Amino acid sequence: MLTVHHLGISQSERIVWLCEELGLEYTFKRYERRADNRLAPDDYKALHPMGIAPVITDGDFVLGESGAICDYINMKYGQGKLTPPVDDADFADHLFWFHWSNGTFMATLMMQLVLSMTKDEGGFATGFVTDRSTKGWAMIEQRLGEAEFFGGRHLTLADIMMVYCLTTSRAFRDSTLDAFPNIQAYLARIGARPAYQRAMAKAEPGMAPLLK
């Protein structure tokens, strides 16, 4: 049986949403973060050598890493439903946004977070990361003005990956998305999806819904 081990307020919410979009039967286990440092509890860290979310188990098999888990579940249990065929016009765009989400954008957001806690304000590193972040947000806004989903005409794994980046970013937390109407409209569309609503009711029942 497929089991999704969800750490509260983490990237593993992607996997819960994916399972709901595919209509899968799966076991859901939620783990609370430690009260003293907000990190994963010891029983979650013991699931995988990296000790971070997300993690799934499938029988005796254990797998970590968001992109790998998305591909595994989509191909093994979803018959590839959320990946366009290689001869589809949307295939290349899907691939780009699927890999860019964590490969570049999430990494940039994490660098911003770390730099905000240092004395580098105004320094080279901050300027470099800020420039990369600005370009990233502009790319996202442009893409969502061109297509309904990151992967093109239909929801794909690229959306499963990207939504978490958008909803946990500084811009979203600080309610400064007024400059990004296409992103706002996209998040409202995602927030209206029954599968997303079911997933968040399980994963983060106390979290405010996406923009409406």
N, C-alpha and C. Protein backbone atom coordinates (compact mmCIF):
# COMPACT_ATOMS: atom_id res chain seq x y z
N MET A 1 0.84 -1.21 0.00
CA MET A 1 0.00 0.00 0.00
C MET A 1 0.87 1.25 0.00
N LEU A 2 0.52 2.19 -0.84
CA LEU A 2 1.22 3.47 -0.91
C LEU A 2 0.89 4.29 0.33
N THR A 3 1.92 4.79 1.00
CA THR A 3 1.74 5.63 2.17
C THR A 3 2.45 6.96 1.96
N VAL A 4 1.74 8.05 2.16
CA VAL A 4 2.31 9.39 2.08
C VAL A 4 2.58 9.86 3.51
N HIS A 5 3.84 10.11 3.79
CA HIS A 5 4.24 10.60 5.11
C HIS A 5 4.35 12.12 5.02
N HIS A 6 3.37 12.81 5.56
CA HIS A 6 3.30 14.26 5.42
C HIS A 6 3.79 14.97 6.66
N LEU A 7 4.83 15.79 6.49
CA LEU A 7 5.31 16.66 7.56
C LEU A 7 4.57 17.98 7.46
N GLY A 8 3.96 18.42 8.55
CA GLY A 8 3.18 19.65 8.54
C GLY A 8 3.95 20.84 7.98
N ILE A 9 3.28 21.64 7.14
CA ILE A 9 3.86 22.82 6.50
C ILE A 9 5.16 22.44 5.79
N SER A 10 5.05 21.62 4.78
CA SER A 10 6.23 21.19 4.05
C SER A 10 5.87 20.83 2.61
N GLN A 11 6.90 20.53 1.83
CA GLN A 11 6.71 20.20 0.43
C GLN A 11 5.91 18.91 0.22
N SER A 12 5.75 18.14 1.27
CA SER A 12 5.00 16.88 1.11
C SER A 12 3.52 17.12 0.84
N GLU A 13 3.03 18.35 1.02
CA GLU A 13 1.63 18.61 0.67
C GLU A 13 1.42 18.38 -0.83
N ARG A 14 2.48 18.57 -1.63
CA ARG A 14 2.39 18.29 -3.06
C ARG A 14 1.94 16.86 -3.32
N ILE A 15 2.47 15.93 -2.54
CA ILE A 15 2.22 14.52 -2.79
C ILE A 15 0.79 14.14 -2.41
N VAL A 16 0.29 14.76 -1.37
CA VAL A 16 -1.10 14.54 -0.99
C VAL A 16 -2.02 15.03 -2.11
N TRP A 17 -1.73 16.23 -2.62
CA TRP A 17 -2.53 16.78 -3.72
C TRP A 17 -2.46 15.87 -4.95
N LEU A 18 -1.27 15.40 -5.28
CA LEU A 18 -1.11 14.52 -6.44
C LEU A 18 -1.99 13.27 -6.29
N CYS A 19 -1.95 12.65 -5.14
CA CYS A 19 -2.75 11.45 -4.93
C CYS A 19 -4.25 11.74 -5.06
N GLU A 20 -4.66 12.91 -4.58
CA GLU A 20 -6.07 13.28 -4.69
C GLU A 20 -6.45 13.57 -6.14
N GLU A 21 -5.58 14.22 -6.89
CA GLU A 21 -5.86 14.50 -8.30
C GLU A 21 -6.01 13.20 -9.09
N LEU A 22 -5.21 12.20 -8.74
CA LEU A 22 -5.26 10.92 -9.45
C LEU A 22 -6.34 10.00 -8.90
N GLY A 23 -6.98 10.40 -7.81
CA GLY A 23 -8.04 9.59 -7.23
C GLY A 23 -7.54 8.27 -6.67
N LEU A 24 -6.36 8.28 -6.08
CA LEU A 24 -5.74 7.05 -5.59
C LEU A 24 -6.22 6.68 -4.19
N GLU A 25 -6.14 5.38 -3.91
CA GLU A 25 -6.27 4.91 -2.55
C GLU A 25 -4.87 4.90 -1.94
N TYR A 26 -4.71 5.54 -0.81
CA TYR A 26 -3.40 5.62 -0.17
C TYR A 26 -3.58 5.83 1.32
N THR A 27 -2.53 5.50 2.05
CA THR A 27 -2.53 5.76 3.49
C THR A 27 -1.87 7.10 3.74
N PHE A 28 -2.49 7.89 4.59
CA PHE A 28 -1.98 9.23 4.90
C PHE A 28 -1.55 9.27 6.36
N LYS A 29 -0.29 9.68 6.58
CA LYS A 29 0.22 9.85 7.94
C LYS A 29 0.77 11.26 8.09
N ARG A 30 0.28 11.99 9.06
CA ARG A 30 0.73 13.36 9.28
C ARG A 30 1.62 13.42 10.50
N TYR A 31 2.71 14.17 10.37
CA TYR A 31 3.68 14.33 11.46
C TYR A 31 3.75 15.81 11.84
N GLU A 32 3.68 16.08 13.11
CA GLU A 32 3.78 17.46 13.58
C GLU A 32 5.25 17.86 13.74
N ARG A 33 5.55 19.10 13.46
CA ARG A 33 6.91 19.60 13.68
C ARG A 33 7.19 19.76 15.17
N ARG A 34 8.45 19.68 15.53
CA ARG A 34 8.83 19.86 16.92
C ARG A 34 8.52 21.27 17.40
N ALA A 35 8.10 21.40 18.63
CA ALA A 35 7.74 22.71 19.17
C ALA A 35 8.97 23.58 19.44
N ASP A 36 10.13 22.95 19.71
CA ASP A 36 11.29 23.73 20.11
C ASP A 36 12.05 24.36 18.94
N ASN A 37 12.07 23.68 17.79
CA ASN A 37 12.84 24.24 16.67
C ASN A 37 12.12 24.18 15.32
N ARG A 38 10.87 23.70 15.32
CA ARG A 38 10.04 23.63 14.12
C ARG A 38 10.58 22.67 13.07
N LEU A 39 11.51 21.80 13.45
CA LEU A 39 12.04 20.82 12.52
C LEU A 39 11.23 19.52 12.61
N ALA A 40 11.56 18.58 11.72
CA ALA A 40 10.85 17.30 11.70
C ALA A 40 11.14 16.51 12.97
N PRO A 41 10.16 15.77 13.46
CA PRO A 41 10.40 14.94 14.64
C PRO A 41 11.30 13.75 14.28
N ASP A 42 11.82 13.10 15.28
CA ASP A 42 12.77 12.02 15.05
C ASP A 42 12.17 10.87 14.25
N ASP A 43 10.89 10.55 14.47
CA ASP A 43 10.31 9.43 13.74
C ASP A 43 10.15 9.74 12.25
N TYR A 44 10.01 11.02 11.91
CA TYR A 44 9.98 11.38 10.49
C TYR A 44 11.38 11.31 9.90
N LYS A 45 12.35 11.85 10.60
CA LYS A 45 13.73 11.83 10.11
C LYS A 45 14.23 10.40 9.88
N ALA A 46 13.70 9.47 10.65
CA ALA A 46 14.14 8.08 10.54
C ALA A 46 13.64 7.39 9.27
N LEU A 47 12.69 8.02 8.57
CA LEU A 47 12.12 7.38 7.39
C LEU A 47 13.09 7.31 6.22
N HIS A 48 13.96 8.34 6.10
CA HIS A 48 14.83 8.46 4.93
C HIS A 48 16.18 9.04 5.38
N PRO A 49 17.27 8.66 4.73
CA PRO A 49 18.58 9.16 5.15
C PRO A 49 18.70 10.68 5.19
N MET A 50 17.99 11.40 4.30
CA MET A 50 18.05 12.86 4.32
C MET A 50 17.26 13.46 5.47
N GLY A 51 16.28 12.73 5.97
CA GLY A 51 15.50 13.21 7.11
C GLY A 51 14.62 14.40 6.83
N ILE A 52 14.24 14.59 5.55
CA ILE A 52 13.43 15.75 5.17
C ILE A 52 12.22 15.30 4.37
N ALA A 53 11.24 16.20 4.23
CA ALA A 53 10.02 15.92 3.48
C ALA A 53 10.20 16.33 2.01
N PRO A 54 9.52 15.59 1.10
CA PRO A 54 8.55 14.52 1.34
C PRO A 54 9.18 13.14 1.34
N VAL A 55 8.41 12.20 1.87
CA VAL A 55 8.80 10.79 1.84
C VAL A 55 7.54 9.96 1.61
N ILE A 56 7.68 8.94 0.76
CA ILE A 56 6.61 7.95 0.64
C ILE A 56 7.20 6.58 0.90
N THR A 57 6.33 5.67 1.31
CA THR A 57 6.69 4.26 1.34
C THR A 57 5.66 3.52 0.50
N ASP A 58 6.13 2.49 -0.18
CA ASP A 58 5.27 1.67 -1.02
C ASP A 58 5.66 0.23 -0.74
N GLY A 59 4.98 -0.36 0.23
CA GLY A 59 5.45 -1.63 0.75
C GLY A 59 6.75 -1.40 1.51
N ASP A 60 7.80 -2.12 1.12
CA ASP A 60 9.10 -1.94 1.76
C ASP A 60 9.94 -0.87 1.09
N PHE A 61 9.45 -0.33 -0.01
CA PHE A 61 10.21 0.66 -0.78
C PHE A 61 10.02 2.05 -0.18
N VAL A 62 11.13 2.79 -0.06
CA VAL A 62 11.10 4.15 0.48
C VAL A 62 11.66 5.10 -0.57
N LEU A 63 10.97 6.24 -0.77
CA LEU A 63 11.43 7.21 -1.77
C LEU A 63 11.27 8.62 -1.23
N GLY A 64 12.29 9.44 -1.43
CA GLY A 64 12.23 10.85 -1.09
C GLY A 64 12.38 11.70 -2.34
N GLU A 65 12.30 13.02 -2.17
CA GLU A 65 12.47 14.02 -3.23
C GLU A 65 11.19 14.22 -4.03
N SER A 66 10.69 15.47 -4.00
CA SER A 66 9.40 15.79 -4.60
C SER A 66 9.25 15.33 -6.04
N GLY A 67 10.21 15.73 -6.89
CA GLY A 67 10.09 15.39 -8.30
C GLY A 67 10.11 13.91 -8.55
N ALA A 68 10.98 13.19 -7.86
CA ALA A 68 11.07 11.74 -8.03
C ALA A 68 9.77 11.07 -7.59
N ILE A 69 9.22 11.52 -6.47
CA ILE A 69 7.98 10.94 -5.97
C ILE A 69 6.83 11.22 -6.94
N CYS A 70 6.76 12.45 -7.46
CA CYS A 70 5.70 12.78 -8.41
C CYS A 70 5.77 11.88 -9.64
N ASP A 71 6.97 11.72 -10.20
CA ASP A 71 7.13 10.85 -11.36
C ASP A 71 6.76 9.41 -11.03
N TYR A 72 7.21 8.93 -9.90
CA TYR A 72 6.95 7.54 -9.49
C TYR A 72 5.46 7.27 -9.37
N ILE A 73 4.76 8.12 -8.64
CA ILE A 73 3.32 7.90 -8.42
C ILE A 73 2.55 8.07 -9.73
N ASN A 74 2.88 9.11 -10.49
CA ASN A 74 2.17 9.36 -11.74
C ASN A 74 2.33 8.21 -12.72
N MET A 75 3.54 7.65 -12.82
CA MET A 75 3.78 6.58 -13.78
C MET A 75 3.28 5.23 -13.26
N LYS A 76 3.49 4.93 -11.98
CA LYS A 76 3.11 3.62 -11.46
C LYS A 76 1.61 3.50 -11.19
N TYR A 77 1.02 4.57 -10.65
CA TYR A 77 -0.37 4.49 -10.25
C TYR A 77 -1.32 5.35 -11.09
N GLY A 78 -0.77 6.32 -11.82
CA GLY A 78 -1.63 7.21 -12.59
C GLY A 78 -1.55 7.02 -14.09
N GLN A 79 -0.86 5.97 -14.54
CA GLN A 79 -0.72 5.71 -15.97
C GLN A 79 -0.22 6.92 -16.74
N GLY A 80 0.60 7.73 -16.09
CA GLY A 80 1.18 8.89 -16.75
C GLY A 80 0.20 10.01 -17.06
N LYS A 81 -0.93 10.02 -16.38
CA LYS A 81 -2.01 10.96 -16.68
C LYS A 81 -1.58 12.42 -16.61
N LEU A 82 -0.69 12.76 -15.68
CA LEU A 82 -0.34 14.16 -15.47
C LEU A 82 0.98 14.55 -16.13
N THR A 83 1.38 13.81 -17.16
CA THR A 83 2.52 14.17 -18.00
C THR A 83 2.07 14.13 -19.46
N PRO A 84 2.24 15.21 -20.21
CA PRO A 84 1.83 15.18 -21.62
C PRO A 84 2.66 14.17 -22.40
N PRO A 85 2.09 13.55 -23.42
CA PRO A 85 2.87 12.65 -24.28
C PRO A 85 4.03 13.42 -24.93
N VAL A 86 5.08 12.70 -25.29
CA VAL A 86 6.27 13.36 -25.84
C VAL A 86 5.98 14.08 -27.14
N ASP A 87 4.96 13.67 -27.88
CA ASP A 87 4.63 14.33 -29.14
C ASP A 87 3.59 15.43 -28.97
N ASP A 88 3.22 15.73 -27.71
CA ASP A 88 2.26 16.80 -27.43
C ASP A 88 2.99 18.15 -27.45
N ALA A 89 2.31 19.17 -27.95
CA ALA A 89 2.91 20.51 -28.04
C ALA A 89 3.28 21.06 -26.67
N ASP A 90 2.64 20.57 -25.59
CA ASP A 90 2.91 21.08 -24.25
C ASP A 90 4.03 20.33 -23.52
N PHE A 91 4.56 19.27 -24.13
CA PHE A 91 5.50 18.41 -23.41
C PHE A 91 6.73 19.18 -22.92
N ALA A 92 7.35 19.96 -23.79
CA ALA A 92 8.58 20.67 -23.42
C ALA A 92 8.32 21.70 -22.32
N ASP A 93 7.21 22.45 -22.42
CA ASP A 93 6.88 23.43 -21.39
C ASP A 93 6.65 22.74 -20.05
N HIS A 94 5.94 21.62 -20.10
CA HIS A 94 5.73 20.85 -18.86
C HIS A 94 7.07 20.47 -18.23
N LEU A 95 7.98 19.95 -19.04
CA LEU A 95 9.28 19.54 -18.52
C LEU A 95 10.03 20.70 -17.89
N PHE A 96 10.00 21.84 -18.57
CA PHE A 96 10.74 23.00 -18.05
C PHE A 96 10.23 23.40 -16.67
N TRP A 97 8.94 23.64 -16.55
CA TRP A 97 8.40 24.14 -15.28
C TRP A 97 8.47 23.07 -14.20
N PHE A 98 8.33 21.81 -14.54
CA PHE A 98 8.44 20.73 -13.56
C PHE A 98 9.82 20.73 -12.91
N HIS A 99 10.86 20.90 -13.71
CA HIS A 99 12.22 20.87 -13.17
C HIS A 99 12.67 22.23 -12.63
N TRP A 100 12.17 23.30 -13.22
CA TRP A 100 12.56 24.65 -12.78
C TRP A 100 12.04 24.96 -11.38
N SER A 101 10.92 24.37 -11.03
CA SER A 101 10.27 24.68 -9.75
C SER A 101 11.23 24.51 -8.57
N ASN A 102 11.82 23.35 -8.43
CA ASN A 102 12.76 23.13 -7.32
C ASN A 102 14.20 23.38 -7.73
N GLY A 103 14.52 23.12 -9.01
CA GLY A 103 15.89 23.28 -9.45
C GLY A 103 16.39 24.71 -9.40
N THR A 104 15.50 25.68 -9.69
CA THR A 104 15.89 27.09 -9.69
C THR A 104 15.05 27.94 -8.75
N PHE A 105 13.72 27.87 -8.88
CA PHE A 105 12.87 28.83 -8.17
C PHE A 105 12.86 28.59 -6.66
N MET A 106 12.61 27.36 -6.24
CA MET A 106 12.61 27.09 -4.80
C MET A 106 13.98 27.33 -4.19
N ALA A 107 15.03 26.99 -4.95
CA ALA A 107 16.38 27.24 -4.46
C ALA A 107 16.62 28.73 -4.25
N THR A 108 16.10 29.54 -5.17
CA THR A 108 16.24 31.00 -5.05
C THR A 108 15.48 31.52 -3.83
N LEU A 109 14.26 31.01 -3.63
CA LEU A 109 13.47 31.44 -2.47
C LEU A 109 14.18 31.08 -1.16
N MET A 110 14.81 29.91 -1.14
CA MET A 110 15.52 29.49 0.07
C MET A 110 16.75 30.37 0.30
N MET A 111 17.45 30.73 -0.78
CA MET A 111 18.60 31.62 -0.63
C MET A 111 18.15 32.98 -0.10
N GLN A 112 17.01 33.48 -0.57
CA GLN A 112 16.49 34.74 -0.05
C GLN A 112 16.21 34.64 1.44
N LEU A 113 15.62 33.52 1.85
CA LEU A 113 15.30 33.34 3.26
C LEU A 113 16.56 33.34 4.10
N VAL A 114 17.57 32.60 3.66
CA VAL A 114 18.82 32.52 4.42
C VAL A 114 19.51 33.89 4.48
N LEU A 115 19.57 34.58 3.35
CA LEU A 115 20.22 35.89 3.32
C LEU A 115 19.50 36.91 4.19
N SER A 116 18.17 36.76 4.33
CA SER A 116 17.42 37.70 5.17
C SER A 116 17.82 37.58 6.64
N MET A 117 18.47 36.47 6.98
CA MET A 117 18.89 36.26 8.37
C MET A 117 20.37 36.55 8.58
N THR A 118 21.02 37.10 7.55
CA THR A 118 22.45 37.42 7.64
C THR A 118 22.65 38.93 7.58
N LYS A 119 23.92 39.35 7.61
CA LYS A 119 24.26 40.77 7.53
C LYS A 119 24.68 41.18 6.12
N ASP A 120 24.22 40.40 5.13
CA ASP A 120 24.63 40.67 3.75
C ASP A 120 23.74 41.71 3.06
N GLU A 121 22.82 42.32 3.78
CA GLU A 121 21.90 43.27 3.17
C GLU A 121 22.66 44.30 2.33
N GLY A 122 22.30 44.38 1.06
CA GLY A 122 22.96 45.32 0.16
C GLY A 122 24.22 44.76 -0.46
N GLY A 123 24.62 43.55 -0.07
CA GLY A 123 25.84 42.94 -0.58
C GLY A 123 25.64 42.25 -1.91
N PHE A 124 26.73 41.70 -2.42
CA PHE A 124 26.69 41.05 -3.72
C PHE A 124 25.73 39.88 -3.74
N ALA A 125 25.78 39.02 -2.72
CA ALA A 125 24.93 37.84 -2.70
C ALA A 125 23.46 38.21 -2.72
N THR A 126 23.09 39.20 -1.90
CA THR A 126 21.69 39.64 -1.86
C THR A 126 21.26 40.19 -3.21
N GLY A 127 22.11 40.99 -3.82
CA GLY A 127 21.78 41.56 -5.13
C GLY A 127 21.61 40.49 -6.19
N PHE A 128 22.48 39.50 -6.18
CA PHE A 128 22.41 38.40 -7.14
C PHE A 128 21.12 37.62 -6.98
N VAL A 129 20.79 37.27 -5.75
CA VAL A 129 19.60 36.46 -5.49
C VAL A 129 18.32 37.27 -5.76
N THR A 130 18.33 38.54 -5.39
CA THR A 130 17.16 39.38 -5.64
C THR A 130 16.89 39.51 -7.14
N ASP A 131 17.95 39.68 -7.92
CA ASP A 131 17.79 39.76 -9.37
C ASP A 131 17.22 38.46 -9.93
N ARG A 132 17.72 37.34 -9.45
CA ARG A 132 17.22 36.05 -9.93
C ARG A 132 15.75 35.87 -9.53
N SER A 133 15.40 36.28 -8.32
CA SER A 133 14.02 36.16 -7.87
C SER A 133 13.09 37.05 -8.70
N THR A 134 13.50 38.26 -8.95
CA THR A 134 12.68 39.19 -9.75
C THR A 134 12.41 38.62 -11.14
N LYS A 135 13.45 38.08 -11.75
CA LYS A 135 13.29 37.49 -13.07
C LYS A 135 12.36 36.27 -13.02
N GLY A 136 12.48 35.50 -11.95
CA GLY A 136 11.63 34.32 -11.80
C GLY A 136 10.16 34.68 -11.69
N TRP A 137 9.85 35.65 -10.84
CA TRP A 137 8.45 36.07 -10.70
C TRP A 137 7.90 36.62 -12.01
N ALA A 138 8.72 37.36 -12.74
CA ALA A 138 8.28 37.90 -14.03
C ALA A 138 7.99 36.77 -15.02
N MET A 139 8.84 35.75 -15.03
CA MET A 139 8.61 34.60 -15.91
C MET A 139 7.31 33.88 -15.57
N ILE A 140 7.05 33.72 -14.29
CA ILE A 140 5.83 33.03 -13.86
C ILE A 140 4.60 33.82 -14.28
N GLU A 141 4.63 35.13 -14.02
CA GLU A 141 3.49 35.98 -14.39
C GLU A 141 3.23 35.92 -15.89
N GLN A 142 4.30 35.96 -16.67
CA GLN A 142 4.15 35.90 -18.13
C GLN A 142 3.57 34.55 -18.56
N ARG A 143 4.09 33.46 -18.00
CA ARG A 143 3.61 32.14 -18.38
C ARG A 143 2.14 31.98 -18.09
N LEU A 144 1.69 32.45 -16.94
CA LEU A 144 0.29 32.28 -16.56
C LEU A 144 -0.64 33.25 -17.29
N GLY A 145 -0.06 34.17 -18.03
CA GLY A 145 -0.85 35.00 -18.93
C GLY A 145 -0.98 34.37 -20.30
N GLU A 146 -0.13 33.38 -20.56
CA GLU A 146 -0.12 32.70 -21.86
C GLU A 146 -0.87 31.37 -21.84
N ALA A 147 -0.89 30.72 -20.69
CA ALA A 147 -1.48 29.39 -20.59
C ALA A 147 -2.24 29.26 -19.28
N GLU A 148 -3.23 28.38 -19.27
CA GLU A 148 -4.04 28.20 -18.07
C GLU A 148 -3.26 27.51 -16.97
N PHE A 149 -2.34 26.63 -17.37
CA PHE A 149 -1.52 25.88 -16.42
C PHE A 149 -0.05 25.99 -16.82
N PHE A 150 0.84 25.70 -15.88
CA PHE A 150 2.26 25.74 -16.20
C PHE A 150 2.61 24.76 -17.31
N GLY A 151 1.94 23.59 -17.29
CA GLY A 151 2.20 22.59 -18.30
C GLY A 151 1.45 22.80 -19.59
N GLY A 152 0.67 23.88 -19.69
CA GLY A 152 -0.04 24.17 -20.93
C GLY A 152 -1.55 24.13 -20.79
N ARG A 153 -2.19 23.31 -21.59
CA ARG A 153 -3.66 23.29 -21.66
C ARG A 153 -4.29 22.58 -20.48
N HIS A 154 -3.54 21.67 -19.85
CA HIS A 154 -4.09 20.86 -18.78
C HIS A 154 -3.17 20.88 -17.56
N LEU A 155 -3.73 20.58 -16.41
CA LEU A 155 -2.93 20.46 -15.20
C LEU A 155 -1.96 19.29 -15.36
N THR A 156 -0.70 19.51 -15.00
CA THR A 156 0.33 18.47 -15.07
C THR A 156 1.13 18.45 -13.76
N LEU A 157 2.12 17.59 -13.73
CA LEU A 157 3.01 17.55 -12.57
C LEU A 157 3.73 18.87 -12.35
N ALA A 158 3.88 19.66 -13.41
CA ALA A 158 4.51 20.97 -13.26
C ALA A 158 3.72 21.84 -12.29
N ASP A 159 2.40 21.75 -12.35
CA ASP A 159 1.56 22.52 -11.43
C ASP A 159 1.66 21.98 -10.01
N ILE A 160 1.68 20.65 -9.88
CA ILE A 160 1.84 20.04 -8.56
C ILE A 160 3.09 20.56 -7.89
N MET A 161 4.15 20.73 -8.67
CA MET A 161 5.42 21.22 -8.12
C MET A 161 5.39 22.73 -7.87
N MET A 162 4.86 23.51 -8.80
CA MET A 162 4.96 24.97 -8.71
C MET A 162 4.06 25.59 -7.66
N VAL A 163 2.88 25.04 -7.43
CA VAL A 163 1.94 25.69 -6.51
C VAL A 163 2.54 25.84 -5.12
N TYR A 164 3.24 24.82 -4.64
CA TYR A 164 3.84 24.95 -3.30
C TYR A 164 4.82 26.11 -3.26
N CYS A 165 5.62 26.28 -4.32
CA CYS A 165 6.57 27.39 -4.37
C CYS A 165 5.84 28.72 -4.23
N LEU A 166 4.72 28.85 -4.92
CA LEU A 166 3.99 30.12 -4.90
C LEU A 166 3.32 30.38 -3.56
N THR A 167 2.75 29.34 -2.96
CA THR A 167 1.98 29.56 -1.73
C THR A 167 2.83 29.67 -0.49
N THR A 168 4.10 29.29 -0.56
CA THR A 168 4.96 29.43 0.61
C THR A 168 5.98 30.54 0.44
N SER A 169 5.91 31.25 -0.66
CA SER A 169 6.89 32.30 -0.94
C SER A 169 6.64 33.53 -0.07
N ARG A 170 7.66 34.37 0.03
CA ARG A 170 7.54 35.62 0.77
C ARG A 170 6.43 36.50 0.20
N ALA A 171 6.33 36.51 -1.13
CA ALA A 171 5.31 37.36 -1.76
C ALA A 171 3.91 36.94 -1.33
N PHE A 172 3.67 35.64 -1.27
CA PHE A 172 2.34 35.17 -0.88
C PHE A 172 2.08 35.45 0.59
N ARG A 173 3.06 35.18 1.44
CA ARG A 173 2.87 35.39 2.88
C ARG A 173 2.62 36.85 3.21
N ASP A 174 3.31 37.73 2.48
CA ASP A 174 3.18 39.16 2.76
C ASP A 174 2.05 39.82 1.99
N SER A 175 1.26 39.02 1.29
CA SER A 175 0.12 39.53 0.52
C SER A 175 0.54 40.64 -0.44
N THR A 176 1.65 40.43 -1.14
CA THR A 176 2.12 41.44 -2.09
C THR A 176 2.00 40.93 -3.53
N LEU A 177 0.94 40.19 -3.80
CA LEU A 177 0.74 39.66 -5.15
C LEU A 177 -0.09 40.60 -6.03
N ASP A 178 -0.35 41.80 -5.55
CA ASP A 178 -1.15 42.74 -6.35
C ASP A 178 -0.52 43.01 -7.71
N ALA A 179 0.79 42.92 -7.78
CA ALA A 179 1.49 43.19 -9.04
C ALA A 179 1.46 41.99 -9.98
N PHE A 180 0.84 40.89 -9.54
CA PHE A 180 0.84 39.67 -10.34
C PHE A 180 -0.58 39.13 -10.52
N PRO A 181 -1.40 39.80 -11.32
CA PRO A 181 -2.80 39.37 -11.48
C PRO A 181 -2.93 37.99 -12.10
N ASN A 182 -2.02 37.60 -12.96
CA ASN A 182 -2.12 36.27 -13.57
C ASN A 182 -1.86 35.18 -12.53
N ILE A 183 -0.92 35.44 -11.63
CA ILE A 183 -0.65 34.47 -10.56
C ILE A 183 -1.84 34.39 -9.63
N GLN A 184 -2.42 35.52 -9.30
CA GLN A 184 -3.59 35.53 -8.43
C GLN A 184 -4.73 34.71 -9.05
N ALA A 185 -4.99 34.92 -10.33
CA ALA A 185 -6.07 34.19 -11.00
C ALA A 185 -5.78 32.69 -11.04
N TYR A 186 -4.53 32.36 -11.26
CA TYR A 186 -4.13 30.95 -11.30
C TYR A 186 -4.35 30.29 -9.94
N LEU A 187 -3.90 30.95 -8.87
CA LEU A 187 -4.06 30.37 -7.54
C LEU A 187 -5.53 30.20 -7.19
N ALA A 188 -6.36 31.13 -7.65
CA ALA A 188 -7.80 31.00 -7.40
C ALA A 188 -8.35 29.78 -8.14
N ARG A 189 -7.88 29.54 -9.36
CA ARG A 189 -8.32 28.37 -10.11
C ARG A 189 -7.90 27.08 -9.42
N ILE A 190 -6.66 27.06 -8.95
CA ILE A 190 -6.18 25.86 -8.25
C ILE A 190 -6.96 25.66 -6.96
N GLY A 191 -7.18 26.74 -6.23
CA GLY A 191 -7.89 26.65 -4.97
C GLY A 191 -9.32 26.16 -5.10
N ALA A 192 -9.88 26.30 -6.29
CA ALA A 192 -11.26 25.85 -6.54
C ALA A 192 -11.33 24.38 -6.94
N ARG A 193 -10.19 23.75 -7.17
CA ARG A 193 -10.20 22.35 -7.59
C ARG A 193 -10.57 21.45 -6.41
N PRO A 194 -11.56 20.58 -6.56
CA PRO A 194 -11.96 19.70 -5.46
C PRO A 194 -10.80 18.86 -4.92
N ALA A 195 -9.93 18.37 -5.80
CA ALA A 195 -8.81 17.54 -5.34
C ALA A 195 -7.85 18.34 -4.47
N TYR A 196 -7.61 19.60 -4.83
CA TYR A 196 -6.73 20.45 -4.02
C TYR A 196 -7.38 20.72 -2.66
N GLN A 197 -8.68 20.98 -2.67
CA GLN A 197 -9.37 21.24 -1.42
C GLN A 197 -9.34 20.02 -0.50
N ARG A 198 -9.53 18.83 -1.07
CA ARG A 198 -9.46 17.61 -0.26
C ARG A 198 -8.07 17.42 0.31
N ALA A 199 -7.06 17.66 -0.52
CA ALA A 199 -5.68 17.48 -0.09
C ALA A 199 -5.33 18.40 1.06
N MET A 200 -5.68 19.68 0.95
CA MET A 200 -5.33 20.63 1.98
C MET A 200 -6.14 20.41 3.25
N ALA A 201 -7.36 19.90 3.11
CA ALA A 201 -8.15 19.58 4.30
C ALA A 201 -7.48 18.48 5.11
N LYS A 202 -6.78 17.57 4.42
CA LYS A 202 -6.03 16.52 5.10
C LYS A 202 -4.69 17.04 5.62
N ALA A 203 -3.96 17.69 4.71
CA ALA A 203 -2.57 18.05 5.02
C ALA A 203 -2.45 19.23 5.96
N GLU A 204 -3.23 20.28 5.70
CA GLU A 204 -3.11 21.52 6.49
C GLU A 204 -4.51 22.05 6.81
N PRO A 205 -5.26 21.38 7.65
CA PRO A 205 -6.65 21.77 7.89
C PRO A 205 -6.83 23.16 8.48
N GLY A 206 -5.80 23.71 9.09
CA GLY A 206 -5.93 25.05 9.68
C GLY A 206 -5.46 26.16 8.78
N MET A 207 -5.01 25.83 7.57
CA MET A 207 -4.45 26.84 6.68
C MET A 207 -5.54 27.54 5.88
N ALA A 208 -5.39 28.86 5.71
CA ALA A 208 -6.36 29.62 4.94
C ALA A 208 -6.38 29.14 3.50
N PRO A 209 -7.55 29.15 2.84
CA PRO A 209 -7.63 28.71 1.44
C PRO A 209 -6.88 29.66 0.51
N LEU A 210 -6.62 29.19 -0.71
CA LEU A 210 -5.98 30.05 -1.70
C LEU A 210 -6.89 31.20 -2.08
N LEU A 211 -6.33 32.16 -2.80
CA LEU A 211 -7.07 33.35 -3.18
C LEU A 211 -8.35 33.01 -3.89
N LYS A 212 -9.36 33.82 -3.66
CA LYS A 212 -10.66 33.62 -4.33
C LYS A 212 -11.04 34.90 -5.06
